[in-house]
Amino acid sequence: MKASELRSKEKDELQTELESLLKAQFGLRMQRATQQLSNTSQLGKVRRDIARVRTVMTEKAGK
């Protein structure tokens, strides 16, 4: 997900996106712990997306 896409969303949409990404991260962490995760790069992508969403939320809060 690109930062420009996130900047066009409203605060409540960003919160919803963050919640879904956190749930996805939890699921991937559980899969990794039980050795069921075949593509480990997904975990890093989700972490970066979470950071992007939080950054954009912080930018919008400052305005």
PDB file of N, CA and C in Angstrom:
ATOM      1  N   MET A   1       0.843  -1.172   0.000  1.00  0.00           N
ATOM      2  CA  MET A   1       0.000   0.000   0.000  1.00  0.00           C
ATOM      3  C   MET A   1       0.892   1.240   0.000  1.00  0.00           C
ATOM      4  N   LYS A   2       0.552   2.184  -0.823  1.00  0.00           N
ATOM      5  CA  LYS A   2       1.367   3.383  -0.957  1.00  0.00           C
ATOM      6  C   LYS A   2       0.890   4.468   0.004  1.00  0.00           C
ATOM      7  N   ALA A   3       1.819   5.314   0.402  1.00  0.00           N
ATOM      8  CA  ALA A   3       1.498   6.391   1.335  1.00  0.00           C
ATOM      9  C   ALA A   3       0.519   7.382   0.711  1.00  0.00           C
ATOM     10  N   SER A   4       0.620   7.580  -0.600  1.00  0.00           N
ATOM     11  CA  SER A   4      -0.301   8.519  -1.255  1.00  0.00           C
ATOM     12  C   SER A   4      -1.740   8.017  -1.179  1.00  0.00           C
ATOM     13  N   GLU A   5      -1.922   6.701  -1.267  1.00  0.00           N
ATOM     14  CA  GLU A   5      -3.270   6.127  -1.118  1.00  0.00           C
ATOM     15  C   GLU A   5      -3.786   6.348   0.296  1.00  0.00           C
ATOM     16  N   LEU A   6      -2.904   6.205   1.266  1.00  0.00           N
ATOM     17  CA  LEU A   6      -3.307   6.364   2.662  1.00  0.00           C
ATOM     18  C   LEU A   6      -3.648   7.812   2.987  1.00  0.00           C
ATOM     19  N   ARG A   7      -2.910   8.738   2.399  1.00  0.00           N
ATOM     20  CA  ARG A   7      -3.150  10.159   2.689  1.00  0.00           C
ATOM     21  C   ARG A   7      -4.505  10.623   2.176  1.00  0.00           C
ATOM     22  N   SER A   8      -5.056   9.917   1.198  1.00  0.00           N
ATOM     23  CA  SER A   8      -6.358  10.314   0.654  1.00  0.00           C
ATOM     24  C   SER A   8      -7.512   9.792   1.507  1.00  0.00           C
ATOM     25  N   LYS A   9      -7.232   8.948   2.491  1.00  0.00           N
ATOM     26  CA  LYS A   9      -8.280   8.376   3.334  1.00  0.00           C
ATOM     27  C   LYS A   9      -8.549   9.257   4.542  1.00  0.00           C
ATOM     28  N   GLU A  10      -9.735   9.086   5.101  1.00  0.00           N
ATOM     29  CA  GLU A  10     -10.117   9.803   6.319  1.00  0.00           C
ATOM     30  C   GLU A  10      -9.553   9.088   7.542  1.00  0.00           C
ATOM     31  N   LYS A  11      -9.635   9.747   8.701  1.00  0.00           N
ATOM     32  CA  LYS A  11      -9.078   9.187   9.931  1.00  0.00           C
ATOM     33  C   LYS A  11      -9.729   7.865  10.327  1.00  0.00           C
ATOM     34  N   ASP A  12     -11.060   7.774  10.197  1.00  0.00           N
ATOM     35  CA  ASP A  12     -11.731   6.531  10.577  1.00  0.00           C
ATOM     36  C   ASP A  12     -11.391   5.395   9.627  1.00  0.00           C
ATOM     37  N   GLU A  13     -11.176   5.708   8.355  1.00  0.00           N
ATOM     38  CA  GLU A  13     -10.760   4.680   7.394  1.00  0.00           C
ATOM     39  C   GLU A  13      -9.346   4.192   7.708  1.00  0.00           C
ATOM     40  N   LEU A  14      -8.490   5.120   8.139  1.00  0.00           N
ATOM     41  CA  LEU A  14      -7.128   4.738   8.528  1.00  0.00           C
ATOM     42  C   LEU A  14      -7.148   3.848   9.760  1.00  0.00           C
ATOM     43  N   GLN A  15      -8.027   4.158  10.702  1.00  0.00           N
ATOM     44  CA  GLN A  15      -8.128   3.337  11.912  1.00  0.00           C
ATOM     45  C   GLN A  15      -8.588   1.927  11.559  1.00  0.00           C
ATOM     46  N   THR A  16      -9.552   1.819  10.665  1.00  0.00           N
ATOM     47  CA  THR A  16     -10.037   0.509  10.224  1.00  0.00           C
ATOM     48  C   THR A  16      -8.922  -0.257   9.526  1.00  0.00           C
ATOM     49  N   GLU A  17      -8.179   0.430   8.685  1.00  0.00           N
ATOM     50  CA  GLU A  17      -7.054  -0.191   7.965  1.00  0.00           C
ATOM     51  C   GLU A  17      -6.003  -0.687   8.952  1.00  0.00           C
ATOM     52  N   LEU A  18      -5.704   0.116   9.967  1.00  0.00           N
ATOM     53  CA  LEU A  18      -4.718  -0.269  10.976  1.00  0.00           C
ATOM     54  C   LEU A  18      -5.171  -1.511  11.732  1.00  0.00           C
ATOM     55  N   GLU A  19      -6.435  -1.559  12.110  1.00  0.00           N
ATOM     56  CA  GLU A  19      -6.954  -2.725  12.830  1.00  0.00           C
ATOM     57  C   GLU A  19      -6.851  -3.989  11.988  1.00  0.00           C
ATOM     58  N   SER A  20      -7.172  -3.892  10.714  1.00  0.00           N
ATOM     59  CA  SER A  20      -7.101  -5.082   9.855  1.00  0.00           C
ATOM     60  C   SER A  20      -5.649  -5.523   9.657  1.00  0.00           C
ATOM     61  N   LEU A  21      -4.733  -4.557   9.553  1.00  0.00           N
ATOM     62  CA  LEU A  21      -3.319  -4.913   9.409  1.00  0.00           C
ATOM     63  C   LEU A  21      -2.774  -5.555  10.684  1.00  0.00           C
ATOM     64  N   LEU A  22      -3.200  -5.067  11.836  1.00  0.00           N
ATOM     65  CA  LEU A  22      -2.744  -5.668  13.094  1.00  0.00           C
ATOM     66  C   LEU A  22      -3.262  -7.099  13.233  1.00  0.00           C
ATOM     67  N   LYS A  23      -4.506  -7.353  12.804  1.00  0.00           N
ATOM     68  CA  LYS A  23      -5.041  -8.716  12.830  1.00  0.00           C
ATOM     69  C   LYS A  23      -4.274  -9.612  11.870  1.00  0.00           C
ATOM     70  N   ALA A  24      -3.941  -9.076  10.698  1.00  0.00           N
ATOM     71  CA  ALA A  24      -3.170  -9.844   9.726  1.00  0.00           C
ATOM     72  C   ALA A  24      -1.784 -10.166  10.273  1.00  0.00           C
ATOM     73  N   GLN A  25      -1.170  -9.183  10.949  1.00  0.00           N
ATOM     74  CA  GLN A  25       0.143  -9.405  11.536  1.00  0.00           C
ATOM     75  C   GLN A  25       0.087 -10.501  12.603  1.00  0.00           C
ATOM     76  N   PHE A  26      -0.949 -10.473  13.420  1.00  0.00           N
ATOM     77  CA  PHE A  26      -1.095 -11.497  14.456  1.00  0.00           C
ATOM     78  C   PHE A  26      -1.218 -12.880  13.825  1.00  0.00           C
ATOM     79  N   GLY A  27      -2.044 -12.976  12.785  1.00  0.00           N
ATOM     80  CA  GLY A  27      -2.210 -14.257  12.105  1.00  0.00           C
ATOM     81  C   GLY A  27      -0.909 -14.763  11.510  1.00  0.00           C
ATOM     82  N   LEU A  28      -0.150 -13.873  10.905  1.00  0.00           N
ATOM     83  CA  LEU A  28       1.136 -14.270  10.320  1.00  0.00           C
ATOM     84  C   LEU A  28       2.129 -14.688  11.403  1.00  0.00           C
ATOM     85  N   ARG A  29       2.112 -13.978  12.536  1.00  0.00           N
ATOM     86  CA  ARG A  29       3.004 -14.358  13.631  1.00  0.00           C
ATOM     87  C   ARG A  29       2.666 -15.736  14.168  1.00  0.00           C
ATOM     88  N   MET A  30       1.375 -16.043  14.255  1.00  0.00           N
ATOM     89  CA  MET A  30       0.964 -17.365  14.730  1.00  0.00           C
ATOM     90  C   MET A  30       1.358 -18.442  13.721  1.00  0.00           C
ATOM     91  N   GLN A  31       1.218 -18.137  12.443  1.00  0.00           N
ATOM     92  CA  GLN A  31       1.622 -19.106  11.418  1.00  0.00           C
ATOM     93  C   GLN A  31       3.128 -19.360  11.478  1.00  0.00           C
ATOM     94  N   ARG A  32       3.897 -18.287  11.706  1.00  0.00           N
ATOM     95  CA  ARG A  32       5.344 -18.456  11.806  1.00  0.00           C
ATOM     96  C   ARG A  32       5.708 -19.285  13.031  1.00  0.00           C
ATOM     97  N   ALA A  33       5.006 -19.057  14.134  1.00  0.00           N
ATOM     98  CA  ALA A  33       5.308 -19.781  15.370  1.00  0.00           C
ATOM     99  C   ALA A  33       5.001 -21.270  15.233  1.00  0.00           C
ATOM    100  N   THR A  34       3.978 -21.608  14.459  1.00  0.00           N
ATOM    101  CA  THR A  34       3.623 -23.011  14.274  1.00  0.00           C
ATOM    102  C   THR A  34       4.249 -23.598  13.011  1.00  0.00           C
ATOM    103  N   GLN A  35       5.163 -22.841  12.396  1.00  0.00           N
ATOM    104  CA  GLN A  35       5.904 -23.261  11.210  1.00  0.00           C
ATOM    105  C   GLN A  35       5.000 -23.552  10.020  1.00  0.00           C
ATOM    106  N   GLN A  36       3.924 -22.777   9.889  1.00  0.00           N
ATOM    107  CA  GLN A  36       3.015 -22.927   8.766  1.00  0.00           C
ATOM    108  C   GLN A  36       3.161 -21.791   7.759  1.00  0.00           C
ATOM    109  N   LEU A  37       4.004 -20.815   8.051  1.00  0.00           N
ATOM    110  CA  LEU A  37       4.170 -19.656   7.177  1.00  0.00           C
ATOM    111  C   LEU A  37       5.201 -19.998   6.105  1.00  0.00           C
ATOM    112  N   SER A  38       4.757 -20.050   4.856  1.00  0.00           N
ATOM    113  CA  SER A  38       5.672 -20.413   3.776  1.00  0.00           C
ATOM    114  C   SER A  38       6.397 -19.199   3.211  1.00  0.00           C
ATOM    115  N   ASN A  39       5.726 -18.047   3.169  1.00  0.00           N
ATOM    116  CA  ASN A  39       6.335 -16.842   2.625  1.00  0.00           C
ATOM    117  C   ASN A  39       6.581 -15.861   3.771  1.00  0.00           C
ATOM    118  N   THR A  40       7.787 -15.893   4.309  1.00  0.00           N
ATOM    119  CA  THR A  40       8.086 -15.084   5.491  1.00  0.00           C
ATOM    120  C   THR A  40       8.202 -13.594   5.176  1.00  0.00           C
ATOM    121  N   SER A  41       8.324 -13.229   3.906  1.00  0.00           N
ATOM    122  CA  SER A  41       8.431 -11.809   3.562  1.00  0.00           C
ATOM    123  C   SER A  41       7.110 -11.075   3.777  1.00  0.00           C
ATOM    124  N   GLN A  42       6.009 -11.796   3.852  1.00  0.00           N
ATOM    125  CA  GLN A  42       4.706 -11.177   4.104  1.00  0.00           C
ATOM    126  C   GLN A  42       4.703 -10.442   5.430  1.00  0.00           C
ATOM    127  N   LEU A  43       5.357 -11.008   6.415  1.00  0.00           N
ATOM    128  CA  LEU A  43       5.390 -10.408   7.746  1.00  0.00           C
ATOM    129  C   LEU A  43       6.060  -9.034   7.699  1.00  0.00           C
ATOM    130  N   GLY A  44       7.144  -8.911   6.978  1.00  0.00           N
ATOM    131  CA  GLY A  44       7.826  -7.633   6.844  1.00  0.00           C
ATOM    132  C   GLY A  44       6.994  -6.607   6.098  1.00  0.00           C
ATOM    133  N   LYS A  45       6.276  -7.051   5.071  1.00  0.00           N
ATOM    134  CA  LYS A  45       5.425  -6.142   4.305  1.00  0.00           C
ATOM    135  C   LYS A  45       4.302  -5.587   5.164  1.00  0.00           C
ATOM    136  N   VAL A  46       3.713  -6.450   5.986  1.00  0.00           N
ATOM    137  CA  VAL A  46       2.623  -6.011   6.865  1.00  0.00           C
ATOM    138  C   VAL A  46       3.154  -5.032   7.906  1.00  0.00           C
ATOM    139  N   ARG A  47       4.340  -5.300   8.441  1.00  0.00           N
ATOM    140  CA  ARG A  47       4.935  -4.392   9.429  1.00  0.00           C
ATOM    141  C   ARG A  47       5.178  -3.017   8.823  1.00  0.00           C
ATOM    142  N   ARG A  48       5.670  -2.972   7.591  1.00  0.00           N
ATOM    143  CA  ARG A  48       5.905  -1.681   6.929  1.00  0.00           C
ATOM    144  C   ARG A  48       4.598  -0.959   6.649  1.00  0.00           C
ATOM    145  N   ASP A  49       3.562  -1.703   6.267  1.00  0.00           N
ATOM    146  CA  ASP A  49       2.257  -1.084   6.030  1.00  0.00           C
ATOM    147  C   ASP A  49       1.693  -0.493   7.317  1.00  0.00           C
ATOM    148  N   ILE A  50       1.871  -1.196   8.429  1.00  0.00           N
ATOM    149  CA  ILE A  50       1.415  -0.691   9.727  1.00  0.00           C
ATOM    150  C   ILE A  50       2.144   0.612  10.046  1.00  0.00           C
ATOM    151  N   ALA A  51       3.444   0.639   9.805  1.00  0.00           N
ATOM    152  CA  ALA A  51       4.223   1.855  10.067  1.00  0.00           C
ATOM    153  C   ALA A  51       3.747   2.998   9.183  1.00  0.00           C
ATOM    154  N   ARG A  52       3.433   2.710   7.922  1.00  0.00           N
ATOM    155  CA  ARG A  52       2.944   3.752   7.018  1.00  0.00           C
ATOM    156  C   ARG A  52       1.624   4.331   7.507  1.00  0.00           C
ATOM    157  N   VAL A  53       0.719   3.447   7.915  1.00  0.00           N
ATOM    158  CA  VAL A  53      -0.587   3.911   8.386  1.00  0.00           C
ATOM    159  C   VAL A  53      -0.417   4.769   9.628  1.00  0.00           C
ATOM    160  N   ARG A  54       0.405   4.322  10.555  1.00  0.00           N
ATOM    161  CA  ARG A  54       0.617   5.098  11.780  1.00  0.00           C
ATOM    162  C   ARG A  54       1.267   6.444  11.491  1.00  0.00           C
ATOM    163  N   THR A  55       2.182   6.493  10.533  1.00  0.00           N
ATOM    164  CA  THR A  55       2.826   7.751  10.154  1.00  0.00           C
ATOM    165  C   THR A  55       1.808   8.726   9.581  1.00  0.00           C
ATOM    166  N   VAL A  56       0.955   8.243   8.690  1.00  0.00           N
ATOM    167  CA  VAL A  56      -0.048   9.111   8.079  1.00  0.00           C
ATOM    168  C   VAL A  56      -1.048   9.579   9.128  1.00  0.00           C
ATOM    169  N   MET A  57      -1.406   8.698  10.068  1.00  0.00           N
ATOM    170  CA  MET A  57      -2.319   9.094  11.143  1.00  0.00           C
ATOM    171  C   MET A  57      -1.696  10.209  11.981  1.00  0.00           C
ATOM    172  N   THR A  58      -0.402  10.115  12.255  1.00  0.00           N
ATOM    173  CA  THR A  58       0.289  11.135  13.026  1.00  0.00           C
ATOM    174  C   THR A  58       0.325  12.459  12.256  1.00  0.00           C
ATOM    175  N   GLU A  59       0.568  12.374  10.953  1.00  0.00           N
ATOM    176  CA  GLU A  59       0.580  13.589  10.121  1.00  0.00           C
ATOM    177  C   GLU A  59      -0.779  14.273  10.145  1.00  0.00           C
ATOM    178  N   LYS A  60      -1.850  13.493  10.044  1.00  0.00           N
ATOM    179  CA  LYS A  60      -3.193  14.068  10.036  1.00  0.00           C
ATOM    180  C   LYS A  60      -3.558  14.637  11.399  1.00  0.00           C
ATOM    181  N   ALA A  61      -3.058  14.050  12.477  1.00  0.00           N
ATOM    182  CA  ALA A  61      -3.357  14.546  13.814  1.00  0.00           C
ATOM    183  C   ALA A  61      -2.673  15.881  14.062  1.00  0.00           C
ATOM    184  N   GLY A  62      -1.528  16.095  13.427  1.00  0.00           N
ATOM    185  CA  GLY A  62      -0.792  17.337  13.613  1.00  0.00           C
ATOM    186  C   GLY A  62      -1.397  18.520  12.882  1.00  0.00           C
ATOM    187  N   LYS A  63      -2.235  18.260  11.900  1.00  0.00           N
ATOM    188  CA  LYS A  63      -2.807  19.343  11.102  1.00  0.00           C
ATOM    189  C   LYS A  63      -4.014  19.957  11.752  1.00  0.00           C
TER     190      LYS A  63
END
